[in-house]
Amino acid sequence: MRLVIQYVVEHGGRAYYQVIAYPAPLRSKPAQFATRGELLQRLREVLPGAEQRLPIPEGEFTQVVLAENVELSATELACLGIKEG
């Protein structure tokens, strides 16, 4: 599966990280994290060493900060906060 992490900046300035797994079940919802620290805490549980691969976003616009092919179990996806819903 492809794990994609986006740094999202909404109109009005609210920013957060969004984690999406592709191909995703039609009803799955991306996980959202308010800070890079929160995201890294979860990533460390599932993808050790991810912090070295996750750049700090530059600028004030939405961008993909990580896209990797990974093998994750349903339990690991749930740990990241990706849920069916």
C-alpha atoms as a PDB file:
ATOM      1  CA  MET A   1       0.000   0.000   0.000  1.00  0.00           C
ATOM      2  CA  ARG A   2       1.051   3.597  -0.446  1.00  0.00           C
ATOM      3  CA  LEU A   3       1.237   5.747   2.669  1.00  0.00           C
ATOM      4  CA  VAL A   4       0.910   9.461   1.939  1.00  0.00           C
ATOM      5  CA  ILE A   5       1.415  12.229   4.471  1.00  0.00           C
ATOM      6  CA  GLN A   6       0.221  15.692   3.566  1.00  0.00           C
ATOM      7  CA  TYR A   7       0.857  18.962   5.308  1.00  0.00           C
ATOM      8  CA  VAL A   8      -2.449  20.776   4.840  1.00  0.00           C
ATOM      9  CA  VAL A   9      -2.919  24.519   5.167  1.00  0.00           C
ATOM     10  CA  GLU A  10      -6.531  25.622   5.048  1.00  0.00           C
ATOM     11  CA  HIS A  11      -7.732  28.999   3.902  1.00  0.00           C
ATOM     12  CA  GLY A  12      -7.565  31.001   7.096  1.00  0.00           C
ATOM     13  CA  GLY A  13      -4.268  29.527   8.238  1.00  0.00           C
ATOM     14  CA  ARG A  14      -5.193  26.351  10.140  1.00  0.00           C
ATOM     15  CA  ALA A  15      -2.502  23.747   9.437  1.00  0.00           C
ATOM     16  CA  TYR A  16      -2.337  20.032  10.208  1.00  0.00           C
ATOM     17  CA  TYR A  17      -0.881  16.748   8.955  1.00  0.00           C
ATOM     18  CA  GLN A  18      -3.091  14.215   7.199  1.00  0.00           C
ATOM     19  CA  VAL A  19      -2.194  10.541   6.736  1.00  0.00           C
ATOM     20  CA  ILE A  20      -3.838   8.557   3.941  1.00  0.00           C
ATOM     21  CA  ALA A  21      -3.307   4.933   2.901  1.00  0.00           C
ATOM     22  CA  TYR A  22      -3.885   3.968  -0.747  1.00  0.00           C
ATOM     23  CA  PRO A  23      -5.602   1.978  -2.018  1.00  0.00           C
ATOM     24  CA  ALA A  24      -7.984   2.889   0.754  1.00  0.00           C
ATOM     25  CA  PRO A  25     -11.317   1.298   1.442  1.00  0.00           C
ATOM     26  CA  LEU A  26     -14.033   3.544   0.085  1.00  0.00           C
ATOM     27  CA  ARG A  27     -15.198   4.453   3.567  1.00  0.00           C
ATOM     28  CA  SER A  28     -11.834   4.995   5.224  1.00  0.00           C
ATOM     29  CA  LYS A  29     -11.073   8.391   6.683  1.00  0.00           C
ATOM     30  CA  PRO A  30      -7.623   9.940   6.766  1.00  0.00           C
ATOM     31  CA  ALA A  31      -5.996  10.494  10.143  1.00  0.00           C
ATOM     32  CA  GLN A  32      -5.241  14.073  11.150  1.00  0.00           C
ATOM     33  CA  PHE A  33      -2.577  15.366  13.522  1.00  0.00           C
ATOM     34  CA  ALA A  34      -2.385  18.939  14.789  1.00  0.00           C
ATOM     35  CA  THR A  35       1.409  18.946  15.116  1.00  0.00           C
ATOM     36  CA  ARG A  36       4.468  17.277  13.635  1.00  0.00           C
ATOM     37  CA  GLY A  37       5.294  15.944  17.117  1.00  0.00           C
ATOM     38  CA  GLU A  38       1.954  14.145  17.423  1.00  0.00           C
ATOM     39  CA  LEU A  39       2.399  12.640  13.976  1.00  0.00           C
ATOM     40  CA  LEU A  40       5.951  11.471  14.713  1.00  0.00           C
ATOM     41  CA  GLN A  41       4.873   9.864  17.972  1.00  0.00           C
ATOM     42  CA  ARG A  42       2.383   7.668  16.089  1.00  0.00           C
ATOM     43  CA  LEU A  43       4.739   7.008  13.176  1.00  0.00           C
ATOM     44  CA  ARG A  44       7.461   5.742  15.534  1.00  0.00           C
ATOM     45  CA  GLU A  45       5.084   3.013  16.713  1.00  0.00           C
ATOM     46  CA  VAL A  46       4.465   1.788  13.165  1.00  0.00           C
ATOM     47  CA  LEU A  47       7.454   2.886  11.042  1.00  0.00           C
ATOM     48  CA  PRO A  48      10.649   3.091  13.099  1.00  0.00           C
ATOM     49  CA  GLY A  49      13.013   5.698  11.670  1.00  0.00           C
ATOM     50  CA  ALA A  50      10.226   7.616   9.938  1.00  0.00           C
ATOM     51  CA  GLU A  51      11.335  10.869  11.540  1.00  0.00           C
ATOM     52  CA  GLN A  52      14.503  10.842   9.414  1.00  0.00           C
ATOM     53  CA  ARG A  53      12.382  10.580   6.261  1.00  0.00           C
ATOM     54  CA  LEU A  54       9.764  13.187   7.190  1.00  0.00           C
ATOM     55  CA  PRO A  55      10.916  16.671   6.146  1.00  0.00           C
ATOM     56  CA  ILE A  56       9.719  19.832   7.816  1.00  0.00           C
ATOM     57  CA  PRO A  57       7.253  21.489   5.404  1.00  0.00           C
ATOM     58  CA  GLU A  58       8.363  24.712   3.780  1.00  0.00           C
ATOM     59  CA  GLY A  59       5.972  27.525   2.977  1.00  0.00           C
ATOM     60  CA  GLU A  60       2.350  28.106   3.745  1.00  0.00           C
ATOM     61  CA  PHE A  61       0.686  25.785   1.268  1.00  0.00           C
ATOM     62  CA  THR A  62      -0.618  22.234   1.175  1.00  0.00           C
ATOM     63  CA  GLN A  63       2.023  19.716   0.124  1.00  0.00           C
ATOM     64  CA  VAL A  64       2.885  16.038   0.209  1.00  0.00           C
ATOM     65  CA  VAL A  65       5.744  15.557   2.680  1.00  0.00           C
ATOM     66  CA  LEU A  66       6.078  11.776   2.441  1.00  0.00           C
ATOM     67  CA  ALA A  67       4.861   9.098   0.046  1.00  0.00           C
ATOM     68  CA  GLU A  68       6.152   5.551   0.533  1.00  0.00           C
ATOM     69  CA  ASN A  69       5.148   2.026  -0.333  1.00  0.00           C
ATOM     70  CA  VAL A  70       4.781   0.158   2.950  1.00  0.00           C
ATOM     71  CA  GLU A  71       3.305  -3.043   4.316  1.00  0.00           C
ATOM     72  CA  LEU A  72       0.960  -2.225   7.201  1.00  0.00           C
ATOM     73  CA  SER A  73      -1.501  -4.444   8.999  1.00  0.00           C
ATOM     74  CA  ALA A  74      -5.021  -3.352   9.930  1.00  0.00           C
ATOM     75  CA  THR A  75      -3.752  -2.948  13.504  1.00  0.00           C
ATOM     76  CA  GLU A  76      -0.926  -0.655  12.385  1.00  0.00           C
ATOM     77  CA  LEU A  77      -3.322   1.428  10.289  1.00  0.00           C
ATOM     78  CA  ALA A  78      -5.588   1.766  13.302  1.00  0.00           C
ATOM     79  CA  CYS A  79      -2.555   2.824  15.389  1.00  0.00           C
ATOM     80  CA  LEU A  80      -1.981   5.622  12.891  1.00  0.00           C
ATOM     81  CA  GLY A  81      -5.618   6.632  13.275  1.00  0.00           C
ATOM     82  CA  ILE A  82      -6.795   5.540   9.831  1.00  0.00           C
ATOM     83  CA  LYS A  83     -10.254   4.182  10.423  1.00  0.00           C
ATOM     84  CA  GLU A  84     -13.143   2.918   8.418  1.00  0.00           C
ATOM     85  CA  GLY A  85     -16.083   5.097   8.889  1.00  0.00           C
END
